[in-house]
Amino acid sequence: MRAFQRALVGSILLAVFLAAGPPAEIRLGKAPVPTLKADPAQIRAIERFFSARQSASVDRTRLKAVRGMMSGAALDGAVLAGDPGHVLTAFDFTDGAIERMGNGRFRVTVYLLFADRQGRVVESRDEALSFAGQTCTSLKVVNTMRWGSEEVEKSAHRLHVEQALDRADEFLQEWATKQTRLAAFSIEDVYPTGVNRVMIPTLQFAATAGKRGYDVVDAPIMIRRGSKGYMIEPRAN
């Protein structure tokens, strides 16, 4: 009798389970909001504007064309193209940095890198820009950093390796002029690594004109002093 009762209770529970269906899945937290893909037309508008600014940094007579792509008050040439003698070598922004505002309007934050005519990086900055279609409606510099060589020169003087620093600078200028893309470099420091041997850490940048993004390589230069002065050591593969 008890066996029959247990079987009956089991049958009833099974019927209830089948009628109720499988248990609902419980999820903790919220599902991530899918990231909107950037509008290619907006990317082209940004690149077009910065391409014109790159051209104006090389030839200041082209600033008029840049201002023709903007609305509102005219901005100083140093804002649009950098200080005289400086070149807008690279600019970069991510898809996520573009914020849509509706009616074809959007905002974006862009990182800029400037170099002098010899290729030395002299300034980097962040800009906040607004666009209405292809027209830049506002531009604000939100952060600026000057890249100087004074501290490196002081270290080289203290270590009596000024000639090694000069040789590295000449080598990097030659490298920059040979590049098929826009190129720039920065000498970060100078260290003695042995008798008559010096290591000079550098950053080397390369970018395609008119296109966002750039490549940067951390490339230390090894220099040895010999009978003919300081010589660059070949880099190991």
Protein backbone atom coordinates (compact mmCIF):
# COMPACT_ATOMS: atom_id res chain seq x y z
CA MET A 1 0.00 0.00 0.00
CA ARG A 2 2.78 2.44 0.90
CA ALA A 3 4.57 1.68 -2.33
CA PHE A 4 1.36 2.50 -4.23
CA GLN A 5 1.01 5.83 -2.35
CA ARG A 6 4.62 6.83 -3.11
CA ALA A 7 4.09 6.03 -6.79
CA LEU A 8 0.89 8.07 -6.83
CA VAL A 9 2.57 11.10 -5.18
CA GLY A 10 5.47 10.86 -7.65
CA SER A 11 3.10 10.83 -10.60
CA ILE A 12 1.28 13.90 -9.29
CA LEU A 13 4.56 15.87 -8.83
CA LEU A 14 5.72 14.93 -12.34
CA ALA A 15 2.45 16.13 -13.82
CA VAL A 16 2.77 19.47 -11.98
CA PHE A 17 6.36 19.95 -13.21
CA LEU A 18 5.42 19.23 -16.83
CA ALA A 19 2.50 21.63 -16.68
CA ALA A 20 4.62 24.43 -15.21
CA GLY A 21 7.40 24.07 -17.83
CA PRO A 22 11.16 24.47 -17.23
CA PRO A 23 12.32 26.92 -14.52
CA ALA A 24 12.89 30.53 -15.61
CA GLU A 25 16.53 31.56 -16.09
CA ILE A 26 17.72 34.02 -13.46
CA ARG A 27 20.28 36.64 -14.60
CA LEU A 28 22.13 38.95 -12.27
CA GLY A 29 22.78 42.54 -13.37
CA LYS A 30 21.86 44.15 -16.67
CA ALA A 31 22.79 43.02 -20.15
CA PRO A 32 25.46 45.29 -21.73
CA VAL A 33 24.08 47.95 -24.04
CA PRO A 34 25.27 47.25 -27.61
CA THR A 35 27.75 49.87 -28.86
CA LEU A 36 26.53 51.84 -31.85
CA LYS A 37 28.75 51.51 -34.88
CA ALA A 38 30.22 54.82 -35.99
CA ASP A 39 28.65 56.45 -39.03
CA PRO A 40 31.19 56.29 -41.91
CA ALA A 41 30.01 59.74 -43.08
CA GLN A 42 30.88 61.22 -39.69
CA ILE A 43 34.33 59.59 -39.74
CA ARG A 44 34.91 61.04 -43.21
CA ALA A 45 33.83 64.51 -42.03
CA ILE A 46 36.35 64.42 -39.17
CA GLU A 47 39.17 63.10 -41.34
CA ARG A 48 38.41 65.66 -44.07
CA PHE A 49 38.63 68.50 -41.56
CA PHE A 50 41.89 67.30 -40.04
CA SER A 51 43.38 66.55 -43.45
CA ALA A 52 42.84 70.20 -44.35
CA ARG A 53 44.47 71.25 -41.09
CA GLN A 54 47.47 69.03 -41.80
CA SER A 55 47.89 70.72 -45.18
CA ALA A 56 47.60 74.15 -43.55
CA SER A 57 50.29 73.26 -41.01
CA VAL A 58 52.68 72.76 -43.94
CA ASP A 59 51.43 75.73 -45.98
CA ARG A 60 49.77 78.48 -43.92
CA THR A 61 48.11 79.97 -47.01
CA ARG A 62 45.68 77.03 -46.81
CA LEU A 63 44.19 78.22 -43.52
CA LYS A 64 41.47 79.98 -45.48
CA ALA A 65 40.24 76.62 -46.77
CA VAL A 66 40.15 75.25 -43.22
CA ARG A 67 38.10 78.21 -41.97
CA GLY A 68 35.72 77.63 -44.87
CA MET A 69 34.90 74.26 -43.30
CA MET A 70 33.89 75.91 -40.02
CA SER A 71 31.06 78.06 -38.74
CA GLY A 72 31.24 80.72 -36.04
CA ALA A 73 34.17 82.91 -35.07
CA ALA A 74 37.47 82.40 -36.87
CA LEU A 75 40.11 80.66 -34.77
CA ASP A 76 43.77 81.58 -34.52
CA GLY A 77 46.10 79.81 -36.93
CA ALA A 78 48.11 78.36 -34.04
CA VAL A 79 44.97 76.54 -32.85
CA LEU A 80 44.14 75.14 -36.27
CA ALA A 81 47.63 74.33 -37.56
CA GLY A 82 49.98 74.58 -34.59
CA ASP A 83 52.63 77.18 -33.91
CA PRO A 84 54.61 78.50 -36.91
CA GLY A 85 57.17 75.91 -37.93
CA HIS A 86 55.16 73.04 -36.48
CA VAL A 87 53.46 70.30 -38.50
CA LEU A 88 50.31 68.38 -37.53
CA THR A 89 51.86 64.94 -37.90
CA ALA A 90 49.05 62.73 -36.61
CA PHE A 91 45.53 62.76 -35.19
CA ASP A 92 43.48 59.97 -33.68
CA PHE A 93 40.02 59.19 -32.33
CA THR A 94 38.01 56.05 -31.67
CA ASP A 95 34.53 55.12 -32.88
CA GLY A 96 33.40 55.32 -29.26
CA ALA A 97 34.57 58.93 -29.03
CA ILE A 98 31.87 60.00 -31.51
CA GLU A 99 28.67 61.04 -29.74
CA ARG A 100 25.58 61.45 -31.90
CA MET A 101 23.37 64.44 -31.10
CA GLY A 102 20.60 64.00 -33.70
CA ASN A 103 19.80 65.87 -36.92
CA GLY A 104 23.22 65.05 -38.36
CA ARG A 105 25.04 66.63 -35.44
CA PHE A 106 27.73 64.91 -33.40
CA ARG A 107 30.64 65.53 -31.02
CA VAL A 108 34.06 63.93 -30.89
CA THR A 109 37.30 64.14 -28.90
CA VAL A 110 40.49 63.95 -30.95
CA TYR A 111 44.16 63.54 -29.97
CA LEU A 112 46.70 65.56 -32.00
CA LEU A 113 50.47 65.26 -32.33
CA PHE A 114 52.68 68.10 -33.64
CA ALA A 115 56.35 68.00 -34.68
CA ASP A 116 58.84 70.61 -35.83
CA ARG A 117 60.23 70.71 -39.37
CA GLN A 118 63.07 68.38 -38.38
CA GLY A 119 60.63 65.76 -37.09
CA ARG A 120 60.95 66.26 -33.33
CA VAL A 121 57.64 65.95 -31.45
CA VAL A 122 56.93 69.31 -29.82
CA GLU A 123 53.30 69.20 -28.70
CA SER A 124 50.32 66.92 -28.15
CA ARG A 125 46.80 67.98 -27.32
CA ASP A 126 43.20 66.86 -26.93
CA GLU A 127 40.41 68.74 -28.69
CA ALA A 128 36.64 68.59 -28.26
CA LEU A 129 34.85 69.31 -31.54
CA SER A 130 31.22 69.52 -32.66
CA PHE A 131 30.00 68.97 -36.21
CA ALA A 132 26.80 69.55 -38.15
CA GLY A 133 27.18 67.30 -41.15
CA GLN A 134 30.49 68.24 -42.81
CA THR A 135 30.83 71.56 -40.96
CA CYS A 136 32.79 71.99 -37.74
CA THR A 137 30.62 74.16 -35.49
CA SER A 138 32.92 74.39 -32.47
CA LEU A 139 36.48 73.53 -31.48
CA LYS A 140 37.91 73.66 -27.98
CA VAL A 141 41.40 72.68 -26.85
CA VAL A 142 40.89 70.79 -23.58
CA ASN A 143 44.42 69.62 -22.82
CA THR A 144 47.92 70.48 -24.10
CA MET A 145 51.35 69.01 -23.36
CA ARG A 146 54.65 70.45 -24.56
CA TRP A 147 57.37 67.95 -25.44
CA GLY A 148 60.70 69.54 -24.57
CA SER A 149 64.27 68.21 -24.67
CA GLU A 150 65.70 70.34 -21.88
CA GLU A 151 65.85 67.56 -19.28
CA VAL A 152 67.46 65.11 -21.72
CA GLU A 153 70.05 67.74 -22.64
CA LYS A 154 70.79 68.34 -18.94
CA SER A 155 71.34 64.61 -18.42
CA ALA A 156 73.63 64.41 -21.44
CA HIS A 157 75.64 67.38 -20.15
CA ARG A 158 75.93 65.86 -16.68
CA LEU A 159 77.15 62.57 -18.17
CA HIS A 160 79.42 64.33 -20.70
CA VAL A 161 77.73 62.59 -23.63
CA GLU A 162 76.35 65.62 -25.51
CA GLN A 163 77.96 64.36 -28.74
CA ALA A 164 76.15 61.03 -28.39
CA LEU A 165 72.84 62.88 -28.02
CA ASP A 166 73.60 64.98 -31.11
CA ARG A 167 74.42 61.83 -33.08
CA ALA A 168 71.11 60.23 -32.07
CA ASP A 169 69.22 63.37 -33.08
CA GLU A 170 70.91 63.39 -36.50
CA PHE A 171 70.12 59.70 -36.97
CA LEU A 172 66.44 60.23 -36.18
CA GLN A 173 66.17 63.25 -38.48
CA GLU A 174 67.56 61.10 -41.29
CA TRP A 175 65.07 58.36 -40.42
CA ALA A 176 62.13 60.80 -40.49
CA THR A 177 63.05 62.23 -43.91
CA LYS A 178 63.24 58.74 -45.45
CA GLN A 179 59.73 57.71 -44.40
CA THR A 180 56.97 57.53 -47.01
CA ARG A 181 54.41 58.40 -44.30
CA LEU A 182 54.35 61.40 -41.97
CA ALA A 183 56.95 60.72 -39.30
CA ALA A 184 58.14 62.20 -36.02
CA PHE A 185 60.33 61.19 -33.09
CA SER A 186 61.01 61.96 -29.46
CA ILE A 187 64.20 61.34 -27.48
CA GLU A 188 63.12 60.28 -24.00
CA ASP A 189 66.36 60.06 -21.98
CA VAL A 190 70.02 59.07 -22.06
CA TYR A 191 71.76 56.34 -20.03
CA PRO A 192 75.36 55.10 -19.83
CA THR A 193 75.43 51.30 -20.26
CA GLY A 194 79.15 50.66 -20.05
CA VAL A 195 82.50 52.14 -20.93
CA ASN A 196 82.07 54.48 -23.91
CA ARG A 197 78.57 53.11 -24.52
CA VAL A 198 75.24 54.95 -24.25
CA MET A 199 71.59 53.96 -24.60
CA ILE A 200 69.09 56.59 -25.76
CA PRO A 201 65.40 55.56 -25.51
CA THR A 202 63.26 57.05 -28.30
CA LEU A 203 59.69 56.99 -29.59
CA GLN A 204 59.17 56.89 -33.35
CA PHE A 205 55.77 57.83 -34.82
CA ALA A 206 54.38 57.26 -38.30
CA ALA A 207 50.96 58.23 -39.71
CA THR A 208 49.13 58.34 -43.02
CA ALA A 209 48.19 61.87 -44.08
CA GLY A 210 44.47 62.57 -43.82
CA LYS A 211 43.70 59.35 -41.90
CA ARG A 212 43.15 58.87 -38.19
CA GLY A 213 45.58 56.79 -36.17
CA TYR A 214 49.33 56.37 -36.01
CA ASP A 215 51.96 53.76 -35.25
CA VAL A 216 54.47 54.30 -32.47
CA VAL A 217 57.57 52.23 -31.78
CA ASP A 218 59.62 52.29 -28.58
CA ALA A 219 63.05 52.07 -30.18
CA PRO A 220 66.16 52.60 -28.01
CA ILE A 221 69.33 53.63 -29.84
CA MET A 222 72.66 52.15 -28.75
CA ILE A 223 75.71 54.35 -29.37
CA ARG A 224 79.36 53.47 -28.88
CA ARG A 225 82.28 55.87 -28.80
CA GLY A 226 85.21 54.88 -30.98
CA SER A 227 88.26 56.42 -32.58
CA LYS A 228 86.02 58.24 -35.09
CA GLY A 229 83.55 59.54 -32.52
CA TYR A 230 80.13 58.22 -31.55
CA MET A 231 78.64 55.59 -33.86
CA ILE A 232 75.16 54.08 -33.94
CA GLU A 233 75.21 50.34 -33.24
CA PRO A 234 73.16 48.15 -35.60
CA ARG A 235 69.91 46.99 -34.05
CA ALA A 236 69.52 43.32 -33.29
CA ASN A 237 66.86 41.51 -35.32
